[in-house]
């Protein structure tokens, strides 16, 4: 059964059509929650990774980095034996002394289907069918991207100096303070299926995730940014539970929203979702949410183990409350 414009398995949930944007572990958390409450779910994923297995495959075959796409597909697997087994398999990494070391099985499967079919979206749809994915996974652009960041103090010897750092891994791990990002190419073509999904959605969810390298890039792809501005969908920004070492060191919750507004001044939201236990006095965050046109919703969404990790059931409940209240 297929959803709007898609071909993966539809959710059994009677809920809204939702598009989640991001990448990596943040998007994985969001999708793991949203598939429990969305009637149809699409993931629009960053395609700028240049490290690890993804970076090696990107360099060798000239393809999209498959890692974040793989993680999104794994997050959409069901909770039955089939879903759990395939999710574990595509996430499995080889450990050896040879050239396969570090490669994820799912990355190799995705790249093999791209070679076989010659179509990025069709390849992802086929993997989704195999996994029984409860939704669809799409790249945010139709070409692989690089991220370039302006960084202050990248060299600890010159803390006031501003320099340019290129590459997702370098941007995410810099010792300096990231001031802003841009994409290479500067105006990349969007994935048309991703644009369509955003325009047809009831809800769009941006974040959580690596703010500069997984969340903000979506707003720098012109056609996708236009769709995000013009869609009839309501928009949720889900904040991280803690600053990310290197990328957002020292960031308070409201600073994430201020950076978002700097990069996309016309972007407005309906809801900002944050973990109530880490916000403290919500006054400043409420003002930052209002500056984006939205209201602040505080909820218990963190796992109980003390790690900066979202609990899927709690996050799903928070999303469900937001979807039904508006």
C-alpha atoms as a PDB file:
ATOM      1  CA  UNK A   1       0.000   0.000   0.000  1.00  0.00           C
ATOM      2  CA  UNK A   2       1.394   3.404  -0.842  1.00  0.00           C
ATOM      3  CA  UNK A   3       1.055   6.892   0.560  1.00  0.00           C
ATOM      4  CA  UNK A   4       0.970  10.195  -1.303  1.00  0.00           C
ATOM      5  CA  UNK A   5       3.466   9.927  -4.141  1.00  0.00           C
ATOM      6  CA  UNK A   6       5.137   6.931  -2.499  1.00  0.00           C
ATOM      7  CA  UNK A   7       5.440   3.193  -2.679  1.00  0.00           C
ATOM      8  CA  UNK A   8       6.479   1.987   0.759  1.00  0.00           C
ATOM      9  CA  UNK A   9       4.197   0.400   3.339  1.00  0.00           C
ATOM     10  CA  UNK A  10       1.532   2.670   4.763  1.00  0.00           C
ATOM     11  CA  UNK A  11       1.071   3.150   8.469  1.00  0.00           C
ATOM     12  CA  UNK A  12      -1.814   1.394  10.179  1.00  0.00           C
ATOM     13  CA  UNK A  13      -2.365   4.573  12.178  1.00  0.00           C
ATOM     14  CA  UNK A  14      -5.249   6.867  11.256  1.00  0.00           C
ATOM     15  CA  UNK A  15      -3.381  10.142  11.508  1.00  0.00           C
ATOM     16  CA  UNK A  16      -2.083  13.135   9.557  1.00  0.00           C
ATOM     17  CA  UNK A  17       0.304  13.202   6.632  1.00  0.00           C
ATOM     18  CA  UNK A  18       3.670  14.222   8.085  1.00  0.00           C
ATOM     19  CA  UNK A  19       7.039  15.156   6.594  1.00  0.00           C
ATOM     20  CA  UNK A  20      10.083  15.042   8.891  1.00  0.00           C
ATOM     21  CA  UNK A  21      13.275  16.816   7.853  1.00  0.00           C
ATOM     22  CA  UNK A  22      16.761  16.270   9.234  1.00  0.00           C
ATOM     23  CA  UNK A  23      19.440  13.623   9.284  1.00  0.00           C
ATOM     24  CA  UNK A  24      21.380  11.202  11.429  1.00  0.00           C
ATOM     25  CA  UNK A  25      20.392  10.279  14.964  1.00  0.00           C
ATOM     26  CA  UNK A  26      18.059  13.239  15.407  1.00  0.00           C
ATOM     27  CA  UNK A  27      15.913  12.271  12.430  1.00  0.00           C
ATOM     28  CA  UNK A  28      16.042   8.630  13.526  1.00  0.00           C
ATOM     29  CA  UNK A  29      14.522   9.632  16.871  1.00  0.00           C
ATOM     30  CA  UNK A  30      11.854  11.767  15.249  1.00  0.00           C
ATOM     31  CA  UNK A  31      10.853   9.078  12.738  1.00  0.00           C
ATOM     32  CA  UNK A  32      10.801   6.361  15.407  1.00  0.00           C
ATOM     33  CA  UNK A  33       8.197   8.458  17.206  1.00  0.00           C
ATOM     34  CA  UNK A  34       6.260   9.848  14.248  1.00  0.00           C
ATOM     35  CA  UNK A  35       5.612   6.462  12.611  1.00  0.00           C
ATOM     36  CA  UNK A  36       3.443   5.663  15.653  1.00  0.00           C
ATOM     37  CA  UNK A  37       1.141   8.648  15.149  1.00  0.00           C
ATOM     38  CA  UNK A  38       1.262   9.598  11.435  1.00  0.00           C
ATOM     39  CA  UNK A  39      -1.142   8.266   8.850  1.00  0.00           C
ATOM     40  CA  UNK A  40       1.550   8.738   6.213  1.00  0.00           C
ATOM     41  CA  UNK A  41       5.151   9.698   6.901  1.00  0.00           C
ATOM     42  CA  UNK A  42       7.914  10.941   4.614  1.00  0.00           C
ATOM     43  CA  UNK A  43      11.490  11.632   5.646  1.00  0.00           C
ATOM     44  CA  UNK A  44      13.457  14.307   3.774  1.00  0.00           C
ATOM     45  CA  UNK A  45      17.119  13.704   4.520  1.00  0.00           C
ATOM     46  CA  UNK A  46      20.323  15.720   4.284  1.00  0.00           C
ATOM     47  CA  UNK A  47      22.835  14.466   1.710  1.00  0.00           C
ATOM     48  CA  UNK A  48      26.109  16.130   2.684  1.00  0.00           C
ATOM     49  CA  UNK A  49      27.871  13.485   4.778  1.00  0.00           C
ATOM     50  CA  UNK A  50      31.520  13.005   3.822  1.00  0.00           C
ATOM     51  CA  UNK A  51      32.759  10.723   6.588  1.00  0.00           C
ATOM     52  CA  UNK A  52      32.897   7.026   7.417  1.00  0.00           C
ATOM     53  CA  UNK A  53      31.254   4.423   5.216  1.00  0.00           C
ATOM     54  CA  UNK A  54      29.063   7.069   3.535  1.00  0.00           C
ATOM     55  CA  UNK A  55      32.030   9.228   2.634  1.00  0.00           C
ATOM     56  CA  UNK A  56      33.967   6.290   1.217  1.00  0.00           C
ATOM     57  CA  UNK A  57      31.054   5.142  -0.956  1.00  0.00           C
ATOM     58  CA  UNK A  58      30.343   8.695  -2.059  1.00  0.00           C
ATOM     59  CA  UNK A  59      33.941   9.168  -3.164  1.00  0.00           C
ATOM     60  CA  UNK A  60      34.264   5.754  -4.841  1.00  0.00           C
ATOM     61  CA  UNK A  61      30.952   5.677  -6.719  1.00  0.00           C
ATOM     62  CA  UNK A  62      30.005   9.355  -6.997  1.00  0.00           C
ATOM     63  CA  UNK A  63      26.643   8.725  -5.296  1.00  0.00           C
ATOM     64  CA  UNK A  64      24.680  10.322  -2.498  1.00  0.00           C
ATOM     65  CA  UNK A  65      26.104   9.507   0.935  1.00  0.00           C
ATOM     66  CA  UNK A  66      23.729   6.693   1.937  1.00  0.00           C
ATOM     67  CA  UNK A  67      24.189   6.665   5.726  1.00  0.00           C
ATOM     68  CA  UNK A  68      21.536   9.146   6.841  1.00  0.00           C
ATOM     69  CA  UNK A  69      19.103   7.709   4.298  1.00  0.00           C
ATOM     70  CA  UNK A  70      19.782   4.219   5.688  1.00  0.00           C
ATOM     71  CA  UNK A  71      19.172   5.355   9.255  1.00  0.00           C
ATOM     72  CA  UNK A  72      15.871   6.928   8.243  1.00  0.00           C
ATOM     73  CA  UNK A  73      14.765   3.678   6.593  1.00  0.00           C
ATOM     74  CA  UNK A  74      15.753   1.718   9.702  1.00  0.00           C
ATOM     75  CA  UNK A  75      13.711   4.076  11.874  1.00  0.00           C
ATOM     76  CA  UNK A  76      10.631   3.403   9.758  1.00  0.00           C
ATOM     77  CA  UNK A  77      10.776  -0.356  10.309  1.00  0.00           C
ATOM     78  CA  UNK A  78       7.922  -1.861  12.295  1.00  0.00           C
ATOM     79  CA  UNK A  79       8.041  -3.342  15.780  1.00  0.00           C
ATOM     80  CA  UNK A  80       7.351  -6.921  14.586  1.00  0.00           C
ATOM     81  CA  UNK A  81      10.038  -9.563  13.979  1.00  0.00           C
ATOM     82  CA  UNK A  82      10.365  -8.598  10.316  1.00  0.00           C
ATOM     83  CA  UNK A  83      10.873  -4.933  11.084  1.00  0.00           C
ATOM     84  CA  UNK A  84      13.252  -5.430  13.981  1.00  0.00           C
ATOM     85  CA  UNK A  85      15.376  -7.947  12.066  1.00  0.00           C
ATOM     86  CA  UNK A  86      15.711  -5.824   8.939  1.00  0.00           C
ATOM     87  CA  UNK A  87      16.366  -2.700  10.971  1.00  0.00           C
ATOM     88  CA  UNK A  88      19.222  -4.453  12.763  1.00  0.00           C
ATOM     89  CA  UNK A  89      20.576  -5.845   9.494  1.00  0.00           C
ATOM     90  CA  UNK A  90      20.737  -2.585   7.563  1.00  0.00           C
ATOM     91  CA  UNK A  91      22.382  -0.915  10.568  1.00  0.00           C
ATOM     92  CA  UNK A  92      24.943  -3.733  10.995  1.00  0.00           C
ATOM     93  CA  UNK A  93      28.552  -2.767  10.312  1.00  0.00           C
ATOM     94  CA  UNK A  94      31.274  -5.139   9.200  1.00  0.00           C
ATOM     95  CA  UNK A  95      34.301  -5.505  11.468  1.00  0.00           C
ATOM     96  CA  UNK A  96      37.388  -6.830   9.736  1.00  0.00           C
ATOM     97  CA  UNK A  97      40.945  -6.057   8.721  1.00  0.00           C
ATOM     98  CA  UNK A  98      39.886  -5.669   5.098  1.00  0.00           C
ATOM     99  CA  UNK A  99      38.220  -3.077   2.867  1.00  0.00           C
ATOM    100  CA  UNK A 100      34.702  -3.861   4.131  1.00  0.00           C
ATOM    101  CA  UNK A 101      35.575  -2.729   7.645  1.00  0.00           C
ATOM    102  CA  UNK A 102      33.225  -0.030   8.869  1.00  0.00           C
ATOM    103  CA  UNK A 103      30.740  -0.349   6.028  1.00  0.00           C
ATOM    104  CA  UNK A 104      27.084  -0.665   7.010  1.00  0.00           C
ATOM    105  CA  UNK A 105      25.138  -3.407   5.241  1.00  0.00           C
ATOM    106  CA  UNK A 106      22.346  -0.984   4.414  1.00  0.00           C
ATOM    107  CA  UNK A 107      24.750   1.448   2.771  1.00  0.00           C
ATOM    108  CA  UNK A 108      25.970  -1.271   0.408  1.00  0.00           C
ATOM    109  CA  UNK A 109      22.418  -2.408  -0.335  1.00  0.00           C
ATOM    110  CA  UNK A 110      21.269   1.116  -1.166  1.00  0.00           C
ATOM    111  CA  UNK A 111      24.257   1.858  -3.426  1.00  0.00           C
ATOM    112  CA  UNK A 112      23.811  -1.494  -5.196  1.00  0.00           C
ATOM    113  CA  UNK A 113      20.170  -0.662  -5.982  1.00  0.00           C
ATOM    114  CA  UNK A 114      21.187   2.790  -7.225  1.00  0.00           C
ATOM    115  CA  UNK A 115      23.656   1.134  -9.603  1.00  0.00           C
ATOM    116  CA  UNK A 116      21.083  -1.424 -10.712  1.00  0.00           C
ATOM    117  CA  UNK A 117      18.164   0.978 -11.223  1.00  0.00           C
ATOM    118  CA  UNK A 118      19.949   4.231 -12.047  1.00  0.00           C
ATOM    119  CA  UNK A 119      17.377   6.102  -9.961  1.00  0.00           C
ATOM    120  CA  UNK A 120      18.031   7.366  -6.439  1.00  0.00           C
ATOM    121  CA  UNK A 121      14.413   7.638  -5.315  1.00  0.00           C
ATOM    122  CA  UNK A 122      13.382   4.320  -6.877  1.00  0.00           C
ATOM    123  CA  UNK A 123      16.291   2.610  -5.123  1.00  0.00           C
ATOM    124  CA  UNK A 124      15.218   3.988  -1.750  1.00  0.00           C
ATOM    125  CA  UNK A 125      11.624   2.955  -2.424  1.00  0.00           C
ATOM    126  CA  UNK A 126      12.726  -0.601  -3.154  1.00  0.00           C
ATOM    127  CA  UNK A 127      14.688  -0.782   0.099  1.00  0.00           C
ATOM    128  CA  UNK A 128      11.626   0.571   1.875  1.00  0.00           C
ATOM    129  CA  UNK A 129       9.477  -2.193   0.414  1.00  0.00           C
ATOM    130  CA  UNK A 130      11.971  -4.856   1.481  1.00  0.00           C
ATOM    131  CA  UNK A 131      12.033  -3.507   5.033  1.00  0.00           C
ATOM    132  CA  UNK A 132       8.284  -2.949   5.245  1.00  0.00           C
ATOM    133  CA  UNK A 133       9.059   0.673   6.040  1.00  0.00           C
ATOM    134  CA  UNK A 134       6.120   2.625   7.416  1.00  0.00           C
ATOM    135  CA  UNK A 135       6.701   5.633   5.184  1.00  0.00           C
ATOM    136  CA  UNK A 136       9.035   6.932   2.515  1.00  0.00           C
ATOM    137  CA  UNK A 137      12.626   8.214   2.576  1.00  0.00           C
ATOM    138  CA  UNK A 138      13.762  10.937   0.164  1.00  0.00           C
ATOM    139  CA  UNK A 139      16.944  12.983  -0.302  1.00  0.00           C
ATOM    140  CA  UNK A 140      16.510  16.733   0.146  1.00  0.00           C
ATOM    141  CA  UNK A 141      18.400  17.529  -3.072  1.00  0.00           C
ATOM    142  CA  UNK A 142      18.907  15.831  -6.413  1.00  0.00           C
ATOM    143  CA  UNK A 143      22.701  16.109  -6.198  1.00  0.00           C
ATOM    144  CA  UNK A 144      25.144  15.348  -3.362  1.00  0.00           C
ATOM    145  CA  UNK A 145      26.067  18.423  -1.338  1.00  0.00           C
ATOM    146  CA  UNK A 146      28.930  19.801   0.685  1.00  0.00           C
ATOM    147  CA  UNK A 147      28.566  22.074   3.704  1.00  0.00           C
ATOM    148  CA  UNK A 148      30.792  25.082   4.269  1.00  0.00           C
ATOM    149  CA  UNK A 149      30.817  26.858   7.621  1.00  0.00           C
ATOM    150  CA  UNK A 150      32.136  30.183   8.856  1.00  0.00           C
ATOM    151  CA  UNK A 151      33.830  29.398  12.139  1.00  0.00           C
ATOM    152  CA  UNK A 152      35.272  31.663  14.777  1.00  0.00           C
ATOM    153  CA  UNK A 153      38.260  30.271  16.638  1.00  0.00           C
ATOM    154  CA  UNK A 154      38.723  27.078  14.624  1.00  0.00           C
ATOM    155  CA  UNK A 155      42.396  27.465  15.511  1.00  0.00           C
ATOM    156  CA  UNK A 156      42.646  27.677  19.320  1.00  0.00           C
ATOM    157  CA  UNK A 157      45.763  29.828  18.919  1.00  0.00           C
ATOM    158  CA  UNK A 158      43.644  32.548  17.247  1.00  0.00           C
ATOM    159  CA  UNK A 159      40.293  32.478  19.068  1.00  0.00           C
ATOM    160  CA  UNK A 160      38.999  35.650  17.394  1.00  0.00           C
ATOM    161  CA  UNK A 161      39.881  34.705  13.844  1.00  0.00           C
ATOM    162  CA  UNK A 162      37.071  33.724  11.437  1.00  0.00           C
ATOM    163  CA  UNK A 163      37.843  31.019   8.922  1.00  0.00           C
ATOM    164  CA  UNK A 164      35.969  28.756   6.518  1.00  0.00           C
ATOM    165  CA  UNK A 165      35.646  25.038   7.208  1.00  0.00           C
ATOM    166  CA  UNK A 166      34.414  22.691   4.474  1.00  0.00           C
ATOM    167  CA  UNK A 167      32.782  19.279   4.856  1.00  0.00           C
ATOM    168  CA  UNK A 168      30.085  17.965   7.175  1.00  0.00           C
ATOM    169  CA  UNK A 169      32.494  16.092   9.421  1.00  0.00           C
ATOM    170  CA  UNK A 170      34.818  19.094   9.739  1.00  0.00           C
ATOM    171  CA  UNK A 171      31.901  21.436  10.477  1.00  0.00           C
ATOM    172  CA  UNK A 172      30.388  19.101  13.063  1.00  0.00           C
ATOM    173  CA  UNK A 173      33.680  18.555  14.892  1.00  0.00           C
ATOM    174  CA  UNK A 174      35.222  22.007  14.767  1.00  0.00           C
ATOM    175  CA  UNK A 175      36.766  23.391  17.951  1.00  0.00           C
ATOM    176  CA  UNK A 176      35.526  26.848  17.092  1.00  0.00           C
ATOM    177  CA  UNK A 177      32.094  28.462  17.136  1.00  0.00           C
ATOM    178  CA  UNK A 178      30.019  27.951  13.999  1.00  0.00           C
ATOM    179  CA  UNK A 179      28.594  31.305  12.879  1.00  0.00           C
ATOM    180  CA  UNK A 180      26.722  30.148   9.795  1.00  0.00           C
ATOM    181  CA  UNK A 181      26.664  27.665   6.953  1.00  0.00           C
ATOM    182  CA  UNK A 182      26.235  27.585   3.201  1.00  0.00           C
ATOM    183  CA  UNK A 183      25.868  24.780   0.676  1.00  0.00           C
ATOM    184  CA  UNK A 184      28.048  23.763  -2.233  1.00  0.00           C
ATOM    185  CA  UNK A 185      26.653  24.059  -4.873  1.00  0.00           C
ATOM    186  CA  UNK A 186      25.077  27.235  -3.518  1.00  0.00           C
ATOM    187  CA  UNK A 187      21.626  26.765  -5.081  1.00  0.00           C
ATOM    188  CA  UNK A 188      21.245  23.003  -5.483  1.00  0.00           C
ATOM    189  CA  UNK A 189      18.218  21.505  -7.222  1.00  0.00           C
ATOM    190  CA  UNK A 190      15.738  19.955  -4.796  1.00  0.00           C
ATOM    191  CA  UNK A 191      14.459  16.406  -5.014  1.00  0.00           C
ATOM    192  CA  UNK A 192      11.093  16.928  -6.692  1.00  0.00           C
ATOM    193  CA  UNK A 193       9.432  14.163  -4.667  1.00  0.00           C
ATOM    194  CA  UNK A 194      10.582  15.864  -1.461  1.00  0.00           C
ATOM    195  CA  UNK A 195       9.136  19.194  -2.602  1.00  0.00           C
ATOM    196  CA  UNK A 196       5.849  17.488  -3.436  1.00  0.00           C
ATOM    197  CA  UNK A 197       5.735  15.751  -0.071  1.00  0.00           C
ATOM    198  CA  UNK A 198       6.204  19.042   1.783  1.00  0.00           C
ATOM    199  CA  UNK A 199       3.511  20.779  -0.256  1.00  0.00           C
ATOM    200  CA  UNK A 200       1.009  17.946   0.338  1.00  0.00           C
ATOM    201  CA  UNK A 201       1.680  17.473   4.063  1.00  0.00           C
ATOM    202  CA  UNK A 202      -0.571  18.270   6.999  1.00  0.00           C
ATOM    203  CA  UNK A 203       2.429  18.729   9.291  1.00  0.00           C
ATOM    204  CA  UNK A 204       6.128  19.403   8.725  1.00  0.00           C
ATOM    205  CA  UNK A 205       8.593  18.567  11.518  1.00  0.00           C
ATOM    206  CA  UNK A 206      12.080  20.101  11.488  1.00  0.00           C
ATOM    207  CA  UNK A 207      14.596  18.702  13.973  1.00  0.00           C
ATOM    208  CA  UNK A 208      15.869  17.469  16.292  1.00  0.00           C
ATOM    209  CA  UNK A 209      19.384  16.851  15.052  1.00  0.00           C
ATOM    210  CA  UNK A 210      22.767  18.390  14.376  1.00  0.00           C
ATOM    211  CA  UNK A 211      21.611  21.960  13.959  1.00  0.00           C
ATOM    212  CA  UNK A 212      24.053  23.303  11.383  1.00  0.00           C
ATOM    213  CA  UNK A 213      24.714  20.114   9.423  1.00  0.00           C
ATOM    214  CA  UNK A 214      21.382  18.236   9.526  1.00  0.00           C
ATOM    215  CA  UNK A 215      18.591  20.738  10.242  1.00  0.00           C
ATOM    216  CA  UNK A 216      19.426  24.122   8.701  1.00  0.00           C
ATOM    217  CA  UNK A 217      20.599  22.807   5.276  1.00  0.00           C
ATOM    218  CA  UNK A 218      16.981  22.086   4.266  1.00  0.00           C
ATOM    219  CA  UNK A 219      16.257  25.798   4.391  1.00  0.00           C
ATOM    220  CA  UNK A 220      19.130  26.546   1.987  1.00  0.00           C
ATOM    221  CA  UNK A 221      17.839  24.456  -0.933  1.00  0.00           C
ATOM    222  CA  UNK A 222      15.773  27.058  -2.828  1.00  0.00           C
ATOM    223  CA  UNK A 223      12.887  24.906  -4.113  1.00  0.00           C
ATOM    224  CA  UNK A 224      12.593  23.044  -0.831  1.00  0.00           C
ATOM    225  CA  UNK A 225      12.776  26.280   1.152  1.00  0.00           C
ATOM    226  CA  UNK A 226      10.013  27.749  -1.016  1.00  0.00           C
ATOM    227  CA  UNK A 227       7.855  24.695  -0.395  1.00  0.00           C
ATOM    228  CA  UNK A 228       8.440  24.996   3.348  1.00  0.00           C
ATOM    229  CA  UNK A 229       7.333  28.634   3.224  1.00  0.00           C
ATOM    230  CA  UNK A 230       4.307  28.078   0.983  1.00  0.00           C
ATOM    231  CA  UNK A 231       2.951  24.728   2.200  1.00  0.00           C
ATOM    232  CA  UNK A 232      -0.446  24.582   3.837  1.00  0.00           C
ATOM    233  CA  UNK A 233       1.106  22.304   6.457  1.00  0.00           C
ATOM    234  CA  UNK A 234       1.612  23.393  10.017  1.00  0.00           C
ATOM    235  CA  UNK A 235       5.228  23.426  11.140  1.00  0.00           C
ATOM    236  CA  UNK A 236       6.893  22.030  14.243  1.00  0.00           C
ATOM    237  CA  UNK A 237      10.483  22.671  15.271  1.00  0.00           C
ATOM    238  CA  UNK A 238      11.689  20.013  17.713  1.00  0.00           C
ATOM    239  CA  UNK A 239      14.679  21.132  19.760  1.00  0.00           C
ATOM    240  CA  UNK A 240      17.638  19.062  20.857  1.00  0.00           C
ATOM    241  CA  UNK A 241      18.025  17.886  24.437  1.00  0.00           C
ATOM    242  CA  UNK A 242      21.565  19.243  24.769  1.00  0.00           C
ATOM    243  CA  UNK A 243      24.153  21.209  22.775  1.00  0.00           C
ATOM    244  CA  UNK A 244      26.233  19.125  20.386  1.00  0.00           C
ATOM    245  CA  UNK A 245      29.925  19.031  21.123  1.00  0.00           C
ATOM    246  CA  UNK A 246      31.772  21.000  18.463  1.00  0.00           C
ATOM    247  CA  UNK A 247      28.789  22.180  16.439  1.00  0.00           C
ATOM    248  CA  UNK A 248      26.656  23.958  19.045  1.00  0.00           C
ATOM    249  CA  UNK A 249      28.832  24.051  22.154  1.00  0.00           C
ATOM    250  CA  UNK A 250      27.418  26.517  24.650  1.00  0.00           C
ATOM    251  CA  UNK A 251      24.109  26.936  22.829  1.00  0.00           C
ATOM    252  CA  UNK A 252      21.021  27.476  24.962  1.00  0.00           C
ATOM    253  CA  UNK A 253      17.673  26.275  23.531  1.00  0.00           C
ATOM    254  CA  UNK A 254      16.669  29.749  22.379  1.00  0.00           C
ATOM    255  CA  UNK A 255      19.956  30.211  20.493  1.00  0.00           C
ATOM    256  CA  UNK A 256      18.955  27.336  18.185  1.00  0.00           C
ATOM    257  CA  UNK A 257      15.843  29.298  17.195  1.00  0.00           C
ATOM    258  CA  UNK A 258      17.793  32.523  16.741  1.00  0.00           C
ATOM    259  CA  UNK A 259      20.215  30.780  14.371  1.00  0.00           C
ATOM    260  CA  UNK A 260      17.265  29.306  12.490  1.00  0.00           C
ATOM    261  CA  UNK A 261      15.756  32.758  12.027  1.00  0.00           C
ATOM    262  CA  UNK A 262      19.108  34.156  10.859  1.00  0.00           C
ATOM    263  CA  UNK A 263      19.417  31.510   8.153  1.00  0.00           C
ATOM    264  CA  UNK A 264      15.741  31.643   7.084  1.00  0.00           C
ATOM    265  CA  UNK A 265      14.246  35.024   8.088  1.00  0.00           C
ATOM    266  CA  UNK A 266      10.887  34.348   6.401  1.00  0.00           C
ATOM    267  CA  UNK A 267      10.380  30.874   7.880  1.00  0.00           C
ATOM    268  CA  UNK A 268       7.557  30.730  10.401  1.00  0.00           C
ATOM    269  CA  UNK A 269       6.509  27.920  12.710  1.00  0.00           C
ATOM    270  CA  UNK A 270       3.385  26.939  14.579  1.00  0.00           C
ATOM    271  CA  UNK A 271       4.978  25.024  17.451  1.00  0.00           C
ATOM    272  CA  UNK A 272       8.379  24.754  19.098  1.00  0.00           C
ATOM    273  CA  UNK A 273       8.684  21.498  21.058  1.00  0.00           C
ATOM    274  CA  UNK A 274      11.237  21.303  23.875  1.00  0.00           C
ATOM    275  CA  UNK A 275      12.054  19.047  26.809  1.00  0.00           C
ATOM    276  CA  UNK A 276      10.660  20.766  29.875  1.00  0.00           C
ATOM    277  CA  UNK A 277      13.362  19.407  32.197  1.00  0.00           C
ATOM    278  CA  UNK A 278      16.207  21.180  30.353  1.00  0.00           C
ATOM    279  CA  UNK A 279      14.600  24.541  29.606  1.00  0.00           C
ATOM    280  CA  UNK A 280      14.578  26.052  33.083  1.00  0.00           C
ATOM    281  CA  UNK A 281      12.913  29.467  32.950  1.00  0.00           C
ATOM    282  CA  UNK A 282      10.983  29.289  29.647  1.00  0.00           C
ATOM    283  CA  UNK A 283      10.578  33.051  29.210  1.00  0.00           C
ATOM    284  CA  UNK A 284      13.460  33.584  26.762  1.00  0.00           C
ATOM    285  CA  UNK A 285      12.586  30.483  24.777  1.00  0.00           C
ATOM    286  CA  UNK A 286       8.940  31.554  24.571  1.00  0.00           C
ATOM    287  CA  UNK A 287      10.025  34.898  23.129  1.00  0.00           C
ATOM    288  CA  UNK A 288      12.276  33.166  20.582  1.00  0.00           C
ATOM    289  CA  UNK A 289       9.382  30.895  19.550  1.00  0.00           C
ATOM    290  CA  UNK A 290       7.079  33.896  19.214  1.00  0.00           C
ATOM    291  CA  UNK A 291       9.671  35.631  17.018  1.00  0.00           C
ATOM    292  CA  UNK A 292       9.226  32.711  14.609  1.00  0.00           C
ATOM    293  CA  UNK A 293       5.443  32.997  14.842  1.00  0.00           C
ATOM    294  CA  UNK A 294       4.937  29.944  17.022  1.00  0.00           C
ATOM    295  CA  UNK A 295       4.030  28.837  20.495  1.00  0.00           C
ATOM    296  CA  UNK A 296       6.257  26.907  22.880  1.00  0.00           C
ATOM    297  CA  UNK A 297       5.189  23.418  23.961  1.00  0.00           C
ATOM    298  CA  UNK A 298       7.110  21.865  26.833  1.00  0.00           C
ATOM    299  CA  UNK A 299       6.830  18.113  27.307  1.00  0.00           C
ATOM    300  CA  UNK A 300       8.684  15.197  28.847  1.00  0.00           C
ATOM    301  CA  UNK A 301      10.386  13.640  25.817  1.00  0.00           C
ATOM    302  CA  UNK A 302      13.812  12.554  27.119  1.00  0.00           C
ATOM    303  CA  UNK A 303      14.850   9.023  27.998  1.00  0.00           C
ATOM    304  CA  UNK A 304      15.255   8.182  31.668  1.00  0.00           C
ATOM    305  CA  UNK A 305      18.909   7.112  31.414  1.00  0.00           C
ATOM    306  CA  UNK A 306      20.234  10.665  31.586  1.00  0.00           C
ATOM    307  CA  UNK A 307      21.599  10.647  28.042  1.00  0.00           C
ATOM    308  CA  UNK A 308      20.648  13.394  25.552  1.00  0.00           C
ATOM    309  CA  UNK A 309      18.381  10.913  23.787  1.00  0.00           C
ATOM    310  CA  UNK A 310      14.679  11.162  23.023  1.00  0.00           C
ATOM    311  CA  UNK A 311      12.359   8.427  24.247  1.00  0.00           C
ATOM    312  CA  UNK A 312      10.317   7.313  21.193  1.00  0.00           C
ATOM    313  CA  UNK A 313       7.098   6.685  23.137  1.00  0.00           C
ATOM    314  CA  UNK A 314       7.256  10.023  24.951  1.00  0.00           C
ATOM    315  CA  UNK A 315       8.144  11.905  21.790  1.00  0.00           C
ATOM    316  CA  UNK A 316       5.281  10.171  19.960  1.00  0.00           C
ATOM    317  CA  UNK A 317       2.868  11.224  22.705  1.00  0.00           C
ATOM    318  CA  UNK A 318       4.077  14.826  22.463  1.00  0.00           C
ATOM    319  CA  UNK A 319       3.620  14.860  18.684  1.00  0.00           C
ATOM    320  CA  UNK A 320       0.162  13.300  19.022  1.00  0.00           C
ATOM    321  CA  UNK A 321      -0.890  15.976  21.527  1.00  0.00           C
ATOM    322  CA  UNK A 322       0.329  18.716  19.187  1.00  0.00           C
ATOM    323  CA  UNK A 323      -1.410  17.236  16.136  1.00  0.00           C
ATOM    324  CA  UNK A 324      -4.745  16.858  17.894  1.00  0.00           C
ATOM    325  CA  UNK A 325      -4.647  20.226  19.678  1.00  0.00           C
ATOM    326  CA  UNK A 326      -4.265  22.358  16.545  1.00  0.00           C
END
